[in-house]
Every structure is written in C-alpha cells, then in structure tokens.
Amino acid sequence: MPDDHSPALRAFMLIARHGSFTRAAAELDVTASALSQTLSQLERRLGVRLLARTTRRVGLTEAGREFLARIAPALETIDDAMESVRQHGNRPAGTLRVTSALGSFLAPVVPEFLARYPEITLDIDVSSALVDLVARGYDAGFRLGERLEKDMVAVPMGGPMRSFVVGTPAYFKRHGKPAHPRELARHNCVRFRFAGGGIYHWEFAHPAGTQRGRWFEIGVGGNLIVNDNAMALAAVHGGIALAHLIAPLVQADLRSGRLESVLERWLPPYDGMYLYYPSRSQVPPKLRVFIDFLKQRLK
C-alpha cells in the first residue's frame, strides 16, 4: 500500500496559507519543530524546495506555488466529501472560515449563530484586502457588491446600504458644514488605507442635472490615516475630523445626536453587502446554514 502523504500535504497547505510554521502548528495542535520536520521530509520526498524560509517570514518557492495550486482543490474536495458524510442527519459541523471587510457587519449576529450551531467553529478574518478564497482556504467572504471576486456565487445580505459623512456638533460649530463635496477640501478628514496600500477616495453621486445618479470620487485631505473603521469613528467622536462611514457604524450616533451628517443628498443608497463563495456542485452544510441564518437576520 502506498504511503499516506495527506498529513504532510495538509501541513504544507496550512504553512503556505498562514506564512508561518507557528500559526500552522497551532491550528494542527502540533509543535512547530514537528511541523518543520514533516515539511522537510515532504521536500526530500519530492526532491525540491517548496518553501523559502528566512528568520522573519516563510514564503513559497516557484515550485511551491505550482504544487499548492495543484493540491489545494484536491484537498478541498476531500474535506467536502468527509464533511458531507459526517453531516448525514443534518448536523452542520466543522470550521467555517470567513473573510470580511467589516467586522461590525457580522459581530451582532455571531453569538446567536454559534448558540444555534455549537458544532460549528467560526474563523473570521477581518481585512479590507481582496483575497483569493480558494487559494487562502476560505469558505466564504463578505464584501460590497462592487468589490467581489470574479466567478463567485454572490448572495445579497441586508439590501441596499448608505454611507454618511459625519462629525460632532462641536466640530461643525467650529468649522461649518460643507454644502458640496468639493468644500471638503477645507476640512480635516480621516482617510482610510486599504490592505493593499491604496487610500480610499470618498464616493458621491450627483443629485440632479444631466449627471444625476453618476458617482464620482473626491480625494480628501487630513492628518489621520487609518485602516480600521473603529479608529476612524473614535477620531470623529473626539471632534477632530470628519469621516465617510457606512450606515451600520453611525446610525446609533446619528439617532442620539452625538454625531451629525452632511452632504446626504450627495449620498444615495448603493449596492450593499454580499456573502460570496466559490461555485461548487454541493454547498457544505455548515455554509448553507450560515447563509440561511444571515439572510433571515440581516433582512
């Protein structure tokens, strides 16, 4: 009988996914040194180096990238088959890996979901980066409609969404309220940096005239750049700047009067959040119940 290489292959895939022996070892519940030996044995067996190791990081060699691209779909198929068999009797279980651009979008519903499905472990990575779900081993992702990966099954969640430009009453008392997006040039604005390094340009739509409904971008200025919405909101609460934030983050503050919004006629609703996942012949039960639960809770 040929040797079973699947543990070594799975170890390699996790090391490549995490870029770290330590994090991969923690997921497999083994020591990093044991995992290093497993990987070295696999490389000797193949006669080629799969990983480029330095003191600071672990990366894939060219051969490693090619090897990962070949084995990842096969391992995923095996995982799906095993989980499908395990879940006869309609008992969703296992680890569900999700990437989300907005942690605040999922946070309110996570406790109820886990209480309803205790055999599911949610592994949520909050990042603005656009990631390859299949290559990174995610089951699903959450993004705005215009930022979805190609060739994905997309399920709308929560319907159309709005954004608001917000500040404190004290800020507007000191600096006045802009009546047109171009007047933001006179204001201190919190800028958001995407994971890829680019700075978000604030988006608006013409409210009237021949350009009505057409979206355009404004490159605002300000002395604070963040990659976290909670930090941007904290700066706004501190009265030092304005921020362009989605409705779920600021609705409570707007209702209470703690924050005020401006330029609302320039900010119509737009395509909201989607859950998306790779097209498969069979959706794993853990993902199916997650989709159904969110569709119900995020109406």
Protein backbone atom coordinates (compact mmCIF):
# COMPACT_ATOMS: atom_id res chain seq x y z
CA MET A 1 0.00 0.00 0.00
CA PRO A 2 1.45 3.42 -0.92
CA ASP A 3 2.32 5.84 1.87
CA ASP A 4 -0.38 8.25 3.01
CA HIS A 5 1.01 11.70 2.21
CA SER A 6 -2.16 13.62 3.09
CA PRO A 7 -0.99 14.84 6.56
CA ALA A 8 2.19 16.29 5.01
CA LEU A 9 0.23 17.86 2.16
CA ARG A 10 -2.23 19.41 4.57
CA ALA A 11 0.62 20.68 6.72
CA PHE A 12 2.25 22.30 3.68
CA MET A 13 -1.02 23.95 2.66
CA LEU A 14 -1.54 25.43 6.14
CA ILE A 15 2.05 26.72 6.36
CA ALA A 16 1.63 28.37 2.96
CA ARG A 17 -1.73 29.83 3.95
CA HIS A 18 -0.50 31.32 7.23
CA GLY A 19 3.03 32.15 6.10
CA SER A 20 4.10 30.81 9.48
CA PHE A 21 5.10 27.45 10.98
CA THR A 22 3.94 28.62 14.42
CA ARG A 23 0.38 29.53 13.36
CA ALA A 24 0.03 26.41 11.22
CA ALA A 25 1.29 24.25 14.09
CA ALA A 26 -1.25 25.84 16.45
CA GLU A 27 -4.09 25.01 14.04
CA LEU A 28 -2.88 21.40 13.75
CA ASP A 29 -2.17 21.19 17.50
CA VAL A 30 1.44 20.08 16.99
CA THR A 31 4.78 21.72 17.73
CA ALA A 32 6.43 23.99 15.19
CA SER A 33 9.55 21.78 15.22
CA ALA A 34 7.47 18.69 14.41
CA LEU A 35 5.79 20.55 11.58
CA SER A 36 9.18 21.67 10.25
CA GLN A 37 10.34 18.04 10.19
CA THR A 38 7.17 16.98 8.36
CA LEU A 39 7.73 19.64 5.72
CA SER A 40 11.42 18.75 5.33
CA GLN A 41 10.51 15.09 4.79
CA LEU A 42 7.99 16.10 2.12
CA GLU A 43 10.58 18.24 0.34
CA ARG A 44 13.12 15.38 0.43
CA ARG A 45 10.50 13.02 -0.96
CA LEU A 46 9.74 15.40 -3.81
CA GLY A 47 13.35 16.39 -4.37
CA VAL A 48 12.52 20.11 -4.49
CA ARG A 49 12.20 23.01 -2.06
CA LEU A 50 8.62 24.15 -1.55
CA LEU A 51 9.21 26.95 0.96
CA ALA A 52 11.71 29.78 1.16
CA ARG A 53 12.48 30.31 4.84
CA THR A 54 14.07 33.37 6.42
CA THR A 55 14.31 34.49 10.03
CA ARG A 56 11.29 36.75 9.54
CA ARG A 57 8.94 35.04 7.10
CA VAL A 58 8.05 31.91 5.21
CA GLY A 59 7.22 32.17 1.52
CA LEU A 60 6.54 29.85 -1.38
CA THR A 61 9.14 28.99 -3.98
CA GLU A 62 8.03 28.83 -7.61
CA ALA A 63 7.75 25.05 -7.28
CA GLY A 64 5.80 25.53 -4.05
CA ARG A 65 3.27 27.85 -5.70
CA GLU A 66 2.71 25.37 -8.51
CA PHE A 67 2.41 22.47 -6.08
CA LEU A 68 -0.08 24.34 -3.87
CA ALA A 69 -2.23 25.24 -6.87
CA ARG A 70 -2.42 21.54 -7.78
CA ILE A 71 -3.12 20.05 -4.36
CA ALA A 72 -5.42 22.68 -2.80
CA PRO A 73 -8.51 21.82 -4.91
CA ALA A 74 -7.96 18.11 -4.27
CA LEU A 75 -7.68 18.55 -0.51
CA GLU A 76 -10.75 20.79 -0.53
CA THR A 77 -12.71 18.11 -2.40
CA ILE A 78 -11.63 15.52 0.17
CA ASP A 79 -12.63 17.83 3.03
CA ASP A 80 -16.03 18.46 1.46
CA ALA A 81 -16.60 14.74 0.94
CA MET A 82 -15.65 13.87 4.52
CA GLU A 83 -17.75 16.67 5.96
CA SER A 84 -20.72 15.71 3.80
CA VAL A 85 -20.55 12.15 5.13
CA ARG A 86 -20.11 13.34 8.72
CA GLN A 87 -23.12 15.58 8.46
CA HIS A 88 -25.69 12.97 7.50
CA GLY A 89 -28.60 13.67 9.80
CA ASN A 90 -28.40 17.41 9.06
CA ARG A 91 -25.92 18.28 11.81
CA PRO A 92 -23.70 21.05 10.40
CA ALA A 93 -20.25 20.94 11.95
CA GLY A 94 -16.64 21.84 11.38
CA THR A 95 -14.66 25.06 10.94
CA LEU A 96 -16.18 27.77 8.75
CA ARG A 97 -13.51 30.24 7.56
CA VAL A 98 -14.85 33.64 6.53
CA THR A 99 -13.11 36.82 5.40
CA SER A 100 -14.99 40.08 5.94
CA ALA A 101 -14.21 43.69 5.10
CA LEU A 102 -16.37 44.77 8.06
CA GLY A 103 -16.23 43.01 11.39
CA SER A 104 -19.06 45.21 12.65
CA PHE A 105 -21.35 43.77 9.99
CA LEU A 106 -21.11 40.23 11.39
CA ALA A 107 -20.38 40.89 15.07
CA PRO A 108 -24.03 41.37 16.21
CA VAL A 109 -25.19 38.02 14.79
CA VAL A 110 -22.24 35.78 15.64
CA PRO A 111 -23.29 34.86 19.24
CA GLU A 112 -26.76 33.76 18.16
CA PHE A 113 -25.39 31.73 15.27
CA LEU A 114 -22.87 29.89 17.44
CA ALA A 115 -25.51 29.24 20.09
CA ARG A 116 -27.75 27.70 17.42
CA TYR A 117 -24.95 25.66 15.81
CA PRO A 118 -22.49 24.74 18.59
CA GLU A 119 -20.69 22.16 16.44
CA ILE A 120 -19.55 24.89 14.02
CA THR A 121 -16.37 26.88 14.72
CA LEU A 122 -16.34 30.31 13.08
CA ASP A 123 -12.90 31.53 11.98
CA ILE A 124 -13.39 35.17 10.87
CA ASP A 125 -10.60 37.26 9.36
CA VAL A 126 -11.41 40.98 9.18
CA SER A 127 -9.45 42.62 6.38
CA SER A 128 -10.08 45.10 3.58
CA ALA A 129 -7.81 43.08 1.28
CA LEU A 130 -9.29 41.32 -1.71
CA VAL A 131 -8.27 37.69 -1.24
CA ASP A 132 -8.44 34.53 -3.32
CA LEU A 133 -10.90 32.42 -1.33
CA VAL A 134 -9.80 29.12 -2.80
CA ALA A 135 -6.05 29.73 -2.52
CA ARG A 136 -6.36 31.04 1.06
CA GLY A 137 -8.75 28.32 2.19
CA TYR A 138 -11.78 30.47 2.99
CA ASP A 139 -15.30 29.10 2.73
CA ALA A 140 -16.89 32.50 2.10
CA GLY A 141 -16.32 36.24 2.14
CA PHE A 142 -18.23 39.47 2.84
CA ARG A 143 -17.67 42.46 0.60
CA LEU A 144 -19.55 45.32 -1.00
CA GLY A 145 -21.03 44.36 -4.36
CA GLU A 146 -18.50 46.29 -6.44
CA ARG A 147 -15.56 44.59 -4.70
CA LEU A 148 -16.48 40.95 -5.24
CA GLU A 149 -14.09 38.42 -6.66
CA LYS A 150 -14.90 37.14 -10.13
CA ASP A 151 -16.57 33.77 -10.75
CA MET A 152 -18.20 33.69 -7.32
CA VAL A 153 -21.72 32.85 -6.19
CA ALA A 154 -22.96 36.10 -4.57
CA VAL A 155 -25.86 36.30 -2.10
CA PRO A 156 -27.14 39.80 -1.19
CA MET A 157 -27.22 40.46 2.55
CA GLY A 158 -29.19 43.28 4.10
CA GLY A 159 -30.23 45.06 0.89
CA PRO A 160 -29.06 48.49 -0.30
CA MET A 161 -26.79 50.45 2.02
CA ARG A 162 -25.95 54.09 2.63
CA SER A 163 -22.86 55.93 3.75
CA PHE A 164 -22.69 59.15 5.74
CA VAL A 165 -20.17 61.93 6.17
CA VAL A 166 -20.27 62.54 9.90
CA GLY A 167 -18.83 64.85 12.54
CA THR A 168 -19.70 66.06 16.02
CA PRO A 169 -21.94 69.09 16.57
CA ALA A 170 -18.94 70.82 18.16
CA TYR A 171 -16.82 70.21 15.05
CA PHE A 172 -19.44 71.71 12.77
CA LYS A 173 -19.90 74.67 15.12
CA ARG A 174 -16.18 75.44 14.81
CA HIS A 175 -15.69 74.70 11.11
CA GLY A 176 -19.11 74.95 9.48
CA LYS A 177 -20.90 72.38 7.33
CA PRO A 178 -19.88 71.66 3.73
CA ALA A 179 -22.72 72.10 1.23
CA HIS A 180 -20.86 70.44 -1.67
CA PRO A 181 -18.30 67.60 -1.69
CA ARG A 182 -15.64 69.92 -3.10
CA GLU A 183 -15.89 72.00 0.11
CA LEU A 184 -14.36 69.05 1.98
CA ALA A 185 -11.01 70.44 0.87
CA ARG A 186 -11.36 72.93 3.75
CA HIS A 187 -11.97 70.19 6.32
CA ASN A 188 -9.84 67.71 8.21
CA CYS A 189 -10.96 64.25 7.04
CA VAL A 190 -9.99 60.81 8.30
CA ARG A 191 -8.53 58.86 5.41
CA PHE A 192 -8.79 55.07 5.12
CA ARG A 193 -5.96 52.90 3.79
CA PHE A 194 -6.86 49.59 2.15
CA ALA A 195 -4.83 46.48 2.94
CA GLY A 196 -3.19 46.75 -0.48
CA GLY A 197 -1.88 50.23 0.38
CA GLY A 198 -4.25 52.45 -1.60
CA ILE A 199 -6.13 55.33 0.04
CA TYR A 200 -9.93 55.31 -0.27
CA HIS A 201 -11.35 58.26 -2.24
CA TRP A 202 -14.69 59.35 -0.86
CA GLU A 203 -17.54 58.49 -3.24
CA PHE A 204 -20.55 60.68 -4.03
CA ALA A 205 -23.30 60.80 -6.65
CA HIS A 206 -24.66 63.85 -8.46
CA PRO A 207 -28.13 64.60 -7.01
CA ALA A 208 -29.55 66.49 -10.02
CA GLY A 209 -28.96 67.65 -13.57
CA THR A 210 -27.64 65.70 -16.53
CA GLN A 211 -25.15 63.87 -14.26
CA ARG A 212 -27.82 62.78 -11.79
CA GLY A 213 -27.01 59.42 -10.23
CA ARG A 214 -23.49 59.29 -11.63
CA TRP A 215 -20.89 58.52 -9.00
CA PHE A 216 -17.61 60.39 -8.65
CA GLU A 217 -14.68 60.41 -6.23
CA ILE A 218 -13.15 63.09 -4.04
CA GLY A 219 -9.59 62.75 -2.75
CA VAL A 220 -9.90 64.33 0.70
CA GLY A 221 -7.08 65.54 2.93
CA GLY A 222 -6.44 65.14 6.63
CA ASN A 223 -3.81 64.44 9.25
CA LEU A 224 -5.02 60.95 10.22
CA ILE A 225 -4.79 57.83 8.04
CA VAL A 226 -6.15 54.54 9.43
CA ASN A 227 -7.03 51.04 8.25
CA ASP A 228 -9.63 50.45 10.95
CA ASN A 229 -13.16 51.87 10.98
CA ALA A 230 -13.37 51.84 14.77
CA MET A 231 -10.32 54.10 14.96
CA ALA A 232 -11.82 56.44 12.35
CA LEU A 233 -15.03 56.63 14.35
CA ALA A 234 -13.10 57.33 17.55
CA ALA A 235 -11.38 60.27 15.84
CA VAL A 236 -14.76 61.65 14.78
CA HIS A 237 -16.12 61.28 18.32
CA GLY A 238 -13.08 63.19 19.51
CA GLY A 239 -14.19 66.16 17.42
CA ILE A 240 -11.00 66.43 15.36
CA ALA A 241 -12.23 65.39 11.91
CA LEU A 242 -14.97 64.16 9.58
CA ALA A 243 -15.24 60.59 8.32
CA HIS A 244 -17.05 58.80 5.49
CA LEU A 245 -18.57 55.68 7.08
CA ILE A 246 -21.27 53.14 6.27
CA ALA A 247 -24.64 53.42 7.96
CA PRO A 248 -24.36 50.47 10.42
CA LEU A 249 -21.35 52.13 12.05
CA VAL A 250 -23.00 55.50 12.72
CA GLN A 251 -26.78 55.05 12.84
CA ALA A 252 -26.97 54.88 16.64
CA ASP A 253 -24.83 58.03 16.98
CA LEU A 254 -26.95 59.88 14.44
CA ARG A 255 -30.17 58.94 16.22
CA SER A 256 -28.79 60.07 19.58
CA GLY A 257 -27.48 63.36 18.18
CA ARG A 258 -23.93 62.53 19.22
CA LEU A 259 -22.98 62.85 15.55
CA GLU A 260 -24.47 64.82 12.67
CA SER A 261 -24.30 64.07 8.96
CA VAL A 262 -23.74 66.35 5.99
CA LEU A 263 -23.96 66.03 2.19
CA GLU A 264 -26.78 63.48 2.47
CA ARG A 265 -28.30 64.43 -0.89
CA TRP A 266 -24.96 63.50 -2.46
CA LEU A 267 -25.00 60.06 -0.81
CA PRO A 268 -27.87 57.93 -2.18
CA PRO A 269 -28.24 54.21 -1.39
CA TYR A 270 -25.96 51.82 -3.25
CA ASP A 271 -25.44 48.10 -3.71
CA GLY A 272 -24.88 46.69 -0.25
CA MET A 273 -23.04 43.76 1.28
CA TYR A 274 -22.83 40.30 -0.26
CA LEU A 275 -21.78 36.94 1.03
CA TYR A 276 -19.87 35.22 -1.73
CA TYR A 277 -18.34 31.78 -2.09
CA PRO A 278 -16.75 29.58 -4.77
CA SER A 279 -19.12 27.89 -7.15
CA ARG A 280 -19.48 24.25 -6.13
CA SER A 281 -21.72 21.38 -7.10
CA GLN A 282 -22.63 20.98 -3.42
CA VAL A 283 -22.58 23.71 -0.79
CA PRO A 284 -21.27 22.31 2.53
CA PRO A 285 -23.98 22.15 5.21
CA LYS A 286 -22.01 24.46 7.54
CA LEU A 287 -22.01 27.15 4.84
CA ARG A 288 -25.64 26.55 3.84
CA VAL A 289 -26.95 27.10 7.38
CA PHE A 290 -24.71 30.19 7.70
CA ILE A 291 -26.19 31.68 4.52
CA ASP A 292 -29.76 30.92 5.55
CA PHE A 293 -29.23 32.30 9.04
CA LEU A 294 -27.73 35.57 7.80
CA LYS A 295 -30.41 36.08 5.16
CA GLN A 296 -33.00 35.85 7.92
CA ARG A 297 -31.16 38.01 10.49
CA LEU A 298 -29.92 40.71 8.10
CA LYS A 299 -33.18 41.48 6.32
